[in-house]
Amino acid sequence: MTPSETLSRRRVLAASATAATFTIVPRHVLGGPGHKAPSETLNVAGIGVGGIGSHDVKELSTQNIVALCDVDRSILEGQAKLYPKARIYSDYRKMLDAQKDIDAVTIATPDHSHAIITMAALRAGKHVHCQKPLTHSVYEARAVGKAAREAKVATQMGNYGQASEEHRLMAELIWAGAVGTVQEVHAGSNRYPAISPRGIPRPKDTPPVPANLDWDVWVGPAPIRPYHPSYHPFAWRGWWDFGSGVLGDIACHELSPVFKALKLQDRHPDWVEACSSNHQLPPEVRQESAPMASITRWHFAAGFDRPALTITWWDGGLKPARPEELEPDAPFAEGDWMMIVGDKGKMLRHELIPARRAREFGPPPRVLERSPGHYVEWINACKGGHAAGSNFDGHAAHLAEVVQLGNIALRTPGRLAWDPVGLRFTNSAAANALVNPPYRSGWYL
């Protein structure tokens, strides 16, 4: 063999050996009686149909949209005009109890009610698509993953980039040895605070609840507080009681391909630590809302023939040192971004740097099945096909758990030692109080 032929063969073998990480399990293996045949059309209900929820319903409108649910009647009535055959509800519990023809639900409520609605739907035997982050706490993530495994229905988290071509190229390059052994992953987002106001205290004024809003159901399992437009509509993400900050908003997008490519679905961090712009702010700010800027770091220990790995998240304009390999005029760490550092090179997302290195290496062996589309994956899974790429048990619940560990670190000083079996930190009572925060009376998982 020529040297180039030897390298090509080595890359193909390396990629083939690790491609099982992305293997999609046929739906019939997961079992479950009563699923519709692939030729049938699903009856879909949308829960939380404003904002991204309206997009989810639209993407699923190739099926029968039979029900719409939202606590805001103005949003609900607007969507009902688009789907006149759908029955409308303001409470998902009443909808699941009353309408038995529903096969599948899509959930796009604020983060704090993702898990309770998902669990109710799973118990009712419904297929579930839930927006990211899948859960609002570490305990919820573990519980939802287990429930999805037992329910044997089709699930998908709404990190739609996981279906993209670039995510597959990223994995194939790593598996082909393009950067050698991956040692560090850096990812982040520099989204404007106007998208999710944060680093601020709770408002003191108490305007009346709008007539179109069921505020009690909106608050759901969170501690009750007076209504304020700082929370709804779409201003909740930066508040710890309702959202998960920039980390919870974007990390489930950015870190998903790394979790797949590096086989992290069965690995847990042994420690996590964080620092943020909230550090010197008073408790009434740092305990209420996420920081304007932060750095969060997870460490995965070496073991079982796998090397140690550190993942670092940056947001609010913070970023790591610019890689020396990058061309001087090339942008770096802008918008939502990722850098993968190996012992033999670096990548920005799915592109090797510098550009000369990418040209020399060439395209990696194509070993992964390409996606028909994020929503189509889930529809097909509901009808008996392969499990979707961000299904709860195989990927999404674990990813959400690790992300929410980071949010605990943002609220707790020091390096936190994590025991994944005991589901507790071994060195911080304050951090443990955030693993499974209590629900408001009358709400349960």
Protein backbone atom coordinates (compact mmCIF):
# COMPACT_ATOMS: atom_id res chain seq x y z
CA MET A 1 0.00 0.00 0.00
CA THR A 2 1.06 3.58 -0.62
CA PRO A 3 1.23 5.87 2.46
CA SER A 4 -2.00 7.61 1.39
CA GLU A 5 -3.77 4.29 0.91
CA THR A 6 -2.61 3.16 4.36
CA LEU A 7 -3.90 6.38 5.95
CA SER A 8 -7.22 6.09 4.15
CA ARG A 9 -7.69 2.49 5.27
CA ARG A 10 -6.78 3.40 8.85
CA ARG A 11 -9.32 6.23 8.86
CA VAL A 12 -12.08 3.98 7.52
CA LEU A 13 -11.39 1.29 10.13
CA ALA A 14 -11.25 3.83 12.96
CA ALA A 15 -14.50 5.43 11.91
CA SER A 16 -16.27 2.11 11.43
CA ALA A 17 -15.19 0.92 14.86
CA THR A 18 -16.83 3.87 16.59
CA ALA A 19 -19.88 4.43 14.42
CA ALA A 20 -21.97 2.31 16.78
CA THR A 21 -22.29 5.38 18.98
CA PHE A 22 -24.76 6.82 16.48
CA THR A 23 -26.45 3.49 15.69
CA ILE A 24 -30.22 3.94 15.54
CA VAL A 25 -32.28 1.20 17.15
CA PRO A 26 -35.31 -0.02 15.17
CA ARG A 27 -38.55 1.05 16.84
CA HIS A 28 -39.89 -2.52 16.96
CA VAL A 29 -36.99 -3.49 19.23
CA LEU A 30 -38.24 -0.99 21.80
CA GLY A 31 -41.60 -2.70 21.82
CA GLY A 32 -44.90 -1.34 23.01
CA PRO A 33 -48.35 -2.45 21.90
CA GLY A 34 -50.87 -0.32 20.12
CA HIS A 35 -48.53 1.77 17.96
CA LYS A 36 -49.93 2.95 14.67
CA ALA A 37 -48.72 1.34 11.47
CA PRO A 38 -46.22 3.45 9.45
CA SER A 39 -48.91 4.17 6.83
CA GLU A 40 -51.19 5.86 9.35
CA THR A 41 -51.27 9.52 10.30
CA LEU A 42 -50.56 10.55 13.89
CA ASN A 43 -52.94 12.57 16.03
CA VAL A 44 -50.70 15.26 17.53
CA ALA A 45 -51.34 17.71 20.38
CA GLY A 46 -49.30 20.85 20.99
CA ILE A 47 -48.68 21.93 24.60
CA GLY A 48 -47.29 25.45 24.80
CA VAL A 49 -47.94 26.77 21.30
CA GLY A 50 -46.40 30.24 21.36
CA GLY A 51 -42.89 31.01 20.12
CA ILE A 52 -40.95 27.84 19.30
CA GLY A 53 -44.07 25.84 20.18
CA SER A 54 -45.86 27.28 17.17
CA HIS A 55 -42.89 26.25 15.04
CA ASP A 56 -43.01 22.71 16.44
CA VAL A 57 -46.71 22.36 15.62
CA LYS A 58 -46.17 23.75 12.12
CA GLU A 59 -43.36 21.25 11.47
CA LEU A 60 -45.69 18.44 12.56
CA SER A 61 -48.70 19.64 10.54
CA THR A 62 -48.13 16.85 8.02
CA GLN A 63 -49.96 14.85 10.70
CA ASN A 64 -53.37 15.52 12.28
CA ILE A 65 -53.20 18.41 14.74
CA VAL A 66 -56.07 17.40 17.00
CA ALA A 67 -55.47 19.49 20.14
CA LEU A 68 -53.78 22.71 21.22
CA CYS A 69 -53.04 23.72 24.80
CA ASP A 70 -51.70 26.98 26.19
CA VAL A 71 -52.22 28.96 29.39
CA ASP A 72 -52.32 32.19 27.36
CA ARG A 73 -55.69 32.40 25.60
CA SER A 74 -54.51 35.03 23.11
CA ILE A 75 -51.74 32.71 21.91
CA LEU A 76 -54.11 29.74 21.92
CA GLU A 77 -56.80 31.45 19.89
CA GLY A 78 -54.29 32.68 17.35
CA GLN A 79 -52.99 29.16 16.77
CA ALA A 80 -56.50 27.70 16.75
CA LYS A 81 -57.25 29.75 13.62
CA LEU A 82 -54.49 27.86 11.84
CA TYR A 83 -55.77 24.46 12.98
CA PRO A 84 -59.57 24.80 13.14
CA LYS A 85 -60.14 21.08 13.68
CA ALA A 86 -58.08 21.05 16.87
CA ARG A 87 -59.78 21.13 20.27
CA ILE A 88 -58.32 23.79 22.60
CA TYR A 89 -57.36 23.62 26.29
CA SER A 90 -55.69 25.84 28.89
CA ASP A 91 -54.54 22.95 31.11
CA TYR A 92 -52.57 19.97 29.76
CA ARG A 93 -53.93 17.72 32.54
CA LYS A 94 -57.49 18.23 31.37
CA MET A 95 -56.46 17.68 27.79
CA LEU A 96 -54.72 14.36 28.49
CA ASP A 97 -57.66 13.22 30.60
CA ALA A 98 -60.38 14.27 28.16
CA GLN A 99 -58.99 13.54 24.71
CA LYS A 100 -58.07 9.89 24.27
CA ASP A 101 -57.40 10.02 20.52
CA ILE A 102 -54.05 11.79 21.00
CA ASP A 103 -51.08 9.69 19.87
CA ALA A 104 -48.26 12.16 20.40
CA VAL A 105 -47.57 15.50 22.08
CA THR A 106 -45.05 18.25 21.56
CA ILE A 107 -44.11 20.33 24.61
CA ALA A 108 -42.73 23.87 24.40
CA THR A 109 -43.53 25.45 27.74
CA PRO A 110 -41.00 27.25 29.98
CA ASP A 111 -38.26 24.95 31.31
CA HIS A 112 -39.69 24.54 34.79
CA SER A 113 -42.73 22.61 33.55
CA HIS A 114 -41.04 20.44 30.90
CA ALA A 115 -40.57 17.42 33.15
CA ILE A 116 -43.99 17.31 34.81
CA ILE A 117 -45.80 17.55 31.46
CA THR A 118 -43.45 15.03 29.86
CA MET A 119 -44.01 12.55 32.68
CA ALA A 120 -47.78 12.96 32.47
CA ALA A 121 -47.66 12.28 28.73
CA LEU A 122 -45.38 9.27 29.13
CA ARG A 123 -47.68 7.79 31.78
CA ALA A 124 -50.58 8.28 29.36
CA GLY A 125 -48.66 6.30 26.74
CA LYS A 126 -48.09 9.23 24.38
CA HIS A 127 -45.08 9.75 22.16
CA VAL A 128 -43.29 12.93 23.32
CA HIS A 129 -41.31 15.70 21.66
CA CYS A 130 -40.08 18.19 24.30
CA GLN A 131 -38.05 21.31 23.78
CA LYS A 132 -34.60 21.71 25.29
CA PRO A 133 -33.49 21.59 27.96
CA LEU A 134 -35.50 18.45 28.54
CA THR A 135 -35.70 19.14 32.27
CA HIS A 136 -35.17 21.90 34.81
CA SER A 137 -33.23 19.82 37.36
CA VAL A 138 -30.76 16.95 37.57
CA TYR A 139 -33.23 14.69 39.36
CA GLU A 140 -35.90 15.32 36.73
CA ALA A 141 -33.47 14.36 33.97
CA ARG A 142 -32.68 11.04 35.59
CA ALA A 143 -36.38 10.35 36.27
CA VAL A 144 -37.52 11.26 32.74
CA GLY A 145 -34.84 9.07 31.17
CA LYS A 146 -35.99 6.12 33.24
CA ALA A 147 -39.66 6.77 32.54
CA ALA A 148 -39.05 7.01 28.79
CA ARG A 149 -37.20 3.71 28.82
CA GLU A 150 -40.08 2.03 30.62
CA ALA A 151 -42.84 3.64 28.55
CA LYS A 152 -41.41 2.32 25.25
CA VAL A 153 -42.73 5.22 23.21
CA ALA A 154 -40.96 7.47 20.71
CA THR A 155 -39.24 10.51 22.23
CA GLN A 156 -37.21 13.45 20.95
CA MET A 157 -35.74 16.57 22.56
CA GLY A 158 -35.95 19.76 20.54
CA ASN A 159 -32.23 20.29 19.87
CA TYR A 160 -32.91 20.12 16.14
CA GLY A 161 -29.28 20.67 15.12
CA GLN A 162 -28.60 17.07 16.09
CA ALA A 163 -30.13 16.05 12.75
CA SER A 164 -27.76 18.25 10.75
CA GLU A 165 -25.02 17.33 8.32
CA GLU A 166 -22.37 19.27 10.25
CA HIS A 167 -22.96 17.21 13.40
CA ARG A 168 -22.28 14.05 11.44
CA LEU A 169 -19.18 15.47 9.80
CA MET A 170 -17.87 16.48 13.23
CA ALA A 171 -18.19 12.93 14.53
CA GLU A 172 -16.75 11.39 11.38
CA LEU A 173 -13.71 13.68 11.51
CA ILE A 174 -13.08 12.80 15.17
CA TRP A 175 -13.46 9.09 14.48
CA ALA A 176 -11.13 9.33 11.49
CA GLY A 177 -8.41 10.68 13.77
CA ALA A 178 -8.40 14.20 12.37
CA VAL A 179 -7.47 15.77 15.73
CA GLY A 180 -6.11 12.69 17.48
CA THR A 181 -7.31 12.04 21.02
CA VAL A 182 -9.81 14.70 22.10
CA GLN A 183 -8.66 16.29 25.35
CA GLU A 184 -10.75 19.44 25.62
CA VAL A 185 -14.02 20.78 24.27
CA HIS A 186 -14.86 24.48 24.43
CA ALA A 187 -18.30 25.76 23.52
CA GLY A 188 -20.35 28.83 24.17
CA SER A 189 -22.86 31.45 23.20
CA ASN A 190 -22.73 35.23 23.12
CA ARG A 191 -26.43 35.93 22.88
CA TYR A 192 -27.70 39.37 23.77
CA PRO A 193 -29.28 39.78 27.23
CA ALA A 194 -32.43 41.16 25.60
CA ILE A 195 -33.26 37.57 24.63
CA SER A 196 -33.16 36.48 28.27
CA PRO A 197 -32.71 39.34 30.80
CA ARG A 198 -30.55 38.15 33.68
CA GLY A 199 -28.29 39.31 36.48
CA ILE A 200 -31.21 41.30 37.89
CA PRO A 201 -33.35 41.19 41.08
CA ARG A 202 -36.97 40.15 41.21
CA PRO A 203 -39.36 42.99 40.28
CA LYS A 204 -41.19 44.59 43.20
CA ASP A 205 -44.30 45.93 41.48
CA THR A 206 -47.32 43.67 41.08
CA PRO A 207 -49.36 44.48 37.97
CA PRO A 208 -52.65 42.62 37.54
CA VAL A 209 -52.70 39.25 35.83
CA PRO A 210 -53.84 39.68 32.22
CA ALA A 211 -57.36 38.39 31.66
CA ASN A 212 -56.12 36.03 28.95
CA LEU A 213 -53.59 34.24 31.21
CA ASP A 214 -53.99 31.34 33.65
CA TRP A 215 -51.15 32.42 35.92
CA ASP A 216 -51.52 29.58 38.42
CA VAL A 217 -51.01 26.92 35.75
CA TRP A 218 -48.18 28.93 34.18
CA VAL A 219 -46.31 28.96 37.49
CA GLY A 220 -47.05 25.27 37.90
CA PRO A 221 -44.52 23.48 40.15
CA ALA A 222 -42.39 26.60 40.78
CA PRO A 223 -42.73 28.72 43.93
CA ILE A 224 -45.70 31.01 43.54
CA ARG A 225 -45.03 34.70 42.96
CA PRO A 226 -47.04 37.63 41.62
CA TYR A 227 -47.44 37.92 37.88
CA HIS A 228 -45.08 40.27 36.06
CA PRO A 229 -44.29 40.86 32.38
CA SER A 230 -40.64 40.20 33.33
CA TYR A 231 -41.65 36.52 33.27
CA HIS A 232 -44.29 36.19 30.56
CA PRO A 233 -44.43 36.35 27.63
CA PHE A 234 -40.99 34.93 26.77
CA ALA A 235 -38.97 36.68 29.43
CA TRP A 236 -38.68 33.70 31.78
CA ARG A 237 -35.45 32.09 30.59
CA GLY A 238 -33.09 34.11 32.79
CA TRP A 239 -34.98 33.38 36.06
CA TRP A 240 -33.80 30.32 38.01
CA ASP A 241 -37.34 29.44 39.11
CA PHE A 242 -38.52 29.17 35.50
CA GLY A 243 -35.56 28.92 33.14
CA SER A 244 -32.01 27.63 32.88
CA GLY A 245 -30.06 30.64 31.64
CA VAL A 246 -27.91 30.72 28.52
CA LEU A 247 -26.32 27.41 29.48
CA GLY A 248 -29.67 25.61 29.53
CA ASP A 249 -30.84 27.41 26.42
CA ILE A 250 -27.91 26.69 24.10
CA ALA A 251 -25.66 23.96 25.56
CA CYS A 252 -28.10 21.19 24.61
CA HIS A 253 -27.60 22.34 21.02
CA GLU A 254 -23.85 22.86 21.06
CA LEU A 255 -22.75 19.88 23.15
CA SER A 256 -25.02 17.26 21.59
CA PRO A 257 -22.64 16.16 18.78
CA VAL A 258 -19.72 15.91 21.20
CA PHE A 259 -21.69 13.70 23.57
CA LYS A 260 -22.42 11.37 20.66
CA ALA A 261 -19.00 11.42 19.02
CA LEU A 262 -17.10 10.90 22.29
CA LYS A 263 -19.52 8.28 23.65
CA LEU A 264 -20.43 10.27 26.73
CA GLN A 265 -23.89 8.71 27.04
CA ASP A 266 -22.54 6.33 29.71
CA ARG A 267 -20.02 8.70 31.31
CA HIS A 268 -20.63 11.17 34.11
CA PRO A 269 -18.44 14.08 35.21
CA ASP A 270 -16.54 13.51 38.44
CA TRP A 271 -16.48 17.23 39.17
CA VAL A 272 -17.97 20.49 37.93
CA GLU A 273 -17.10 24.10 38.73
CA ALA A 274 -18.13 27.53 37.52
CA CYS A 275 -17.57 31.25 37.90
CA SER A 276 -19.75 34.12 36.76
CA SER A 277 -20.57 37.80 36.78
CA ASN A 278 -23.06 37.03 39.56
CA HIS A 279 -20.23 36.30 42.03
CA GLN A 280 -20.06 39.74 43.62
CA LEU A 281 -23.74 40.55 43.34
CA PRO A 282 -26.07 40.37 46.37
CA PRO A 283 -28.08 37.20 47.07
CA GLU A 284 -31.32 38.78 45.86
CA VAL A 285 -29.75 38.85 42.39
CA ARG A 286 -27.57 35.75 42.16
CA GLN A 287 -30.20 33.46 43.68
CA GLU A 288 -32.97 34.86 41.44
CA SER A 289 -31.51 35.10 37.95
CA ALA A 290 -28.78 33.61 35.80
CA PRO A 291 -25.57 35.60 35.25
CA MET A 292 -24.80 37.94 32.39
CA ALA A 293 -21.55 36.08 31.74
CA SER A 294 -20.15 32.78 32.96
CA ILE A 295 -17.59 30.00 32.58
CA THR A 296 -18.59 26.43 33.49
CA ARG A 297 -16.30 23.41 33.46
CA TRP A 298 -17.03 19.67 33.67
CA HIS A 299 -14.33 17.02 34.06
CA PHE A 300 -14.75 13.42 32.93
CA ALA A 301 -12.13 11.15 34.48
CA ALA A 302 -10.12 8.65 32.45
CA GLY A 303 -11.26 5.04 32.62
CA PHE A 304 -12.30 1.97 30.63
CA ASP A 305 -9.65 2.74 27.97
CA ARG A 306 -11.01 6.24 27.52
CA PRO A 307 -8.95 9.37 28.21
CA ALA A 308 -9.84 12.18 30.57
CA LEU A 309 -11.89 14.99 29.05
CA THR A 310 -12.65 18.55 30.09
CA ILE A 311 -15.64 20.43 28.66
CA THR A 312 -15.76 24.20 29.20
CA TRP A 313 -18.72 26.47 28.50
CA TRP A 314 -18.30 30.22 27.91
CA ASP A 315 -21.01 32.88 27.53
CA GLY A 316 -21.66 36.59 27.83
CA GLY A 317 -18.68 37.52 25.66
CA LEU A 318 -16.16 35.36 27.52
CA LYS A 319 -14.05 33.04 25.40
CA PRO A 320 -10.86 30.97 25.56
CA ALA A 321 -7.53 32.02 24.05
CA ARG A 322 -7.64 32.26 20.29
CA PRO A 323 -6.06 29.12 18.79
CA GLU A 324 -2.68 29.79 17.19
CA GLU A 325 -3.63 27.60 14.22
CA LEU A 326 -6.46 29.92 13.16
CA GLU A 327 -5.87 32.39 10.36
CA PRO A 328 -5.50 35.98 11.67
CA ASP A 329 -8.56 37.29 9.81
CA ALA A 330 -10.86 34.35 10.65
CA PRO A 331 -13.71 34.92 13.17
CA PHE A 332 -13.54 33.06 16.49
CA ALA A 333 -16.07 32.29 19.23
CA GLU A 334 -18.84 34.49 17.86
CA GLY A 335 -22.54 33.72 18.24
CA ASP A 336 -23.00 30.05 19.16
CA TRP A 337 -19.71 28.20 18.71
CA MET A 338 -17.55 25.16 19.51
CA MET A 339 -13.84 24.27 19.49
CA ILE A 340 -12.53 20.72 19.82
CA VAL A 341 -8.92 20.28 20.97
CA GLY A 342 -7.06 17.03 20.35
CA ASP A 343 -3.44 16.03 20.80
CA LYS A 344 -2.94 16.25 17.03
CA GLY A 345 -5.03 19.24 16.03
CA LYS A 346 -8.09 21.44 16.52
CA MET A 347 -11.53 21.87 14.97
CA LEU A 348 -14.02 24.71 14.98
CA ARG A 349 -17.31 22.85 14.82
CA HIS A 350 -16.88 20.46 11.89
CA GLU A 351 -13.95 22.23 10.23
CA LEU A 352 -10.28 21.52 10.86
CA ILE A 353 -8.01 24.53 11.40
CA PRO A 354 -6.10 25.98 9.73
CA ALA A 355 -7.82 25.70 6.35
CA ARG A 356 -4.64 24.16 4.95
CA ARG A 357 -5.01 21.27 7.39
CA ALA A 358 -8.61 20.71 6.28
CA ARG A 359 -7.54 20.55 2.63
CA GLU A 360 -4.74 18.12 3.40
CA PHE A 361 -6.93 15.78 5.43
CA GLY A 362 -9.88 15.89 3.08
CA PRO A 363 -13.42 14.69 3.80
CA PRO A 364 -13.71 11.91 6.40
CA PRO A 365 -15.14 8.47 5.56
CA ARG A 366 -18.93 8.68 5.46
CA VAL A 367 -20.06 6.12 8.04
CA LEU A 368 -23.17 7.66 9.60
CA GLU A 369 -26.71 7.42 8.36
CA ARG A 370 -27.98 10.87 7.37
CA SER A 371 -31.13 12.24 8.97
CA PRO A 372 -34.39 12.84 7.08
CA GLY A 373 -34.89 15.83 9.38
CA HIS A 374 -35.33 16.34 13.12
CA TYR A 375 -39.13 16.24 13.15
CA VAL A 376 -39.35 13.51 10.53
CA GLU A 377 -37.08 11.36 12.71
CA TRP A 378 -39.61 11.60 15.51
CA ILE A 379 -42.65 11.07 13.29
CA ASN A 380 -41.03 7.96 11.82
CA ALA A 381 -40.14 6.69 15.30
CA CYS A 382 -43.74 7.19 16.42
CA LYS A 383 -44.86 5.03 13.51
CA GLY A 384 -42.53 2.15 14.32
CA GLY A 385 -39.27 3.27 12.71
CA HIS A 386 -35.82 3.92 14.13
CA ALA A 387 -35.48 5.73 17.46
CA ALA A 388 -35.01 9.46 16.96
CA GLY A 389 -31.52 10.93 17.30
CA SER A 390 -32.20 12.89 20.49
CA ASN A 391 -34.44 10.35 22.19
CA PHE A 392 -34.73 10.77 25.92
CA ASP A 393 -33.28 7.49 27.15
CA GLY A 394 -30.41 7.21 24.68
CA HIS A 395 -29.20 10.81 24.61
CA ALA A 396 -31.32 13.75 25.72
CA ALA A 397 -31.90 12.97 29.41
CA HIS A 398 -28.19 12.43 30.10
CA LEU A 399 -27.23 15.57 28.19
CA ALA A 400 -29.81 17.60 30.15
CA GLU A 401 -28.52 16.14 33.42
CA VAL A 402 -24.95 17.24 32.72
CA VAL A 403 -26.09 20.72 31.62
CA GLN A 404 -28.11 21.17 34.81
CA LEU A 405 -25.12 20.08 36.89
CA GLY A 406 -23.43 23.12 35.38
CA ASN A 407 -26.26 25.38 36.47
CA ILE A 408 -25.92 24.09 40.01
CA ALA A 409 -22.21 24.96 39.89
CA LEU A 410 -23.10 28.48 38.75
CA ARG A 411 -25.11 28.91 41.93
CA THR A 412 -22.68 27.19 44.31
CA PRO A 413 -19.05 28.19 45.01
CA GLY A 414 -16.14 25.78 44.72
CA ARG A 415 -15.35 22.62 42.80
CA LEU A 416 -18.26 20.21 43.28
CA ALA A 417 -17.48 16.49 43.45
CA TRP A 418 -20.30 14.51 41.82
CA ASP A 419 -21.49 11.01 42.74
CA PRO A 420 -23.69 9.88 39.81
CA VAL A 421 -24.80 6.68 41.54
CA GLY A 422 -25.96 8.40 44.71
CA LEU A 423 -27.18 11.38 42.66
CA ARG A 424 -25.47 13.76 45.06
CA PHE A 425 -22.46 15.97 45.56
CA THR A 426 -20.08 14.60 48.16
CA ASN A 427 -18.78 17.97 49.34
CA SER A 428 -21.65 20.49 49.27
CA ALA A 429 -24.98 20.48 51.07
CA ALA A 430 -25.89 23.72 49.30
CA ALA A 431 -25.40 22.12 45.89
CA ASN A 432 -27.37 19.02 46.93
CA ALA A 433 -30.36 21.22 47.75
CA LEU A 434 -30.51 22.12 44.04
CA VAL A 435 -30.38 18.56 42.67
CA ASN A 436 -34.08 17.99 43.31
CA PRO A 437 -35.70 21.23 44.48
CA PRO A 438 -39.19 20.79 45.92
CA TYR A 439 -42.33 21.47 43.89
CA ARG A 440 -45.12 23.75 44.93
CA SER A 441 -47.88 21.94 46.79
CA GLY A 442 -50.29 20.16 44.45
CA TRP A 443 -47.70 19.51 41.72
CA TYR A 444 -45.69 16.34 41.31
CA LEU A 445 -43.45 14.50 38.93
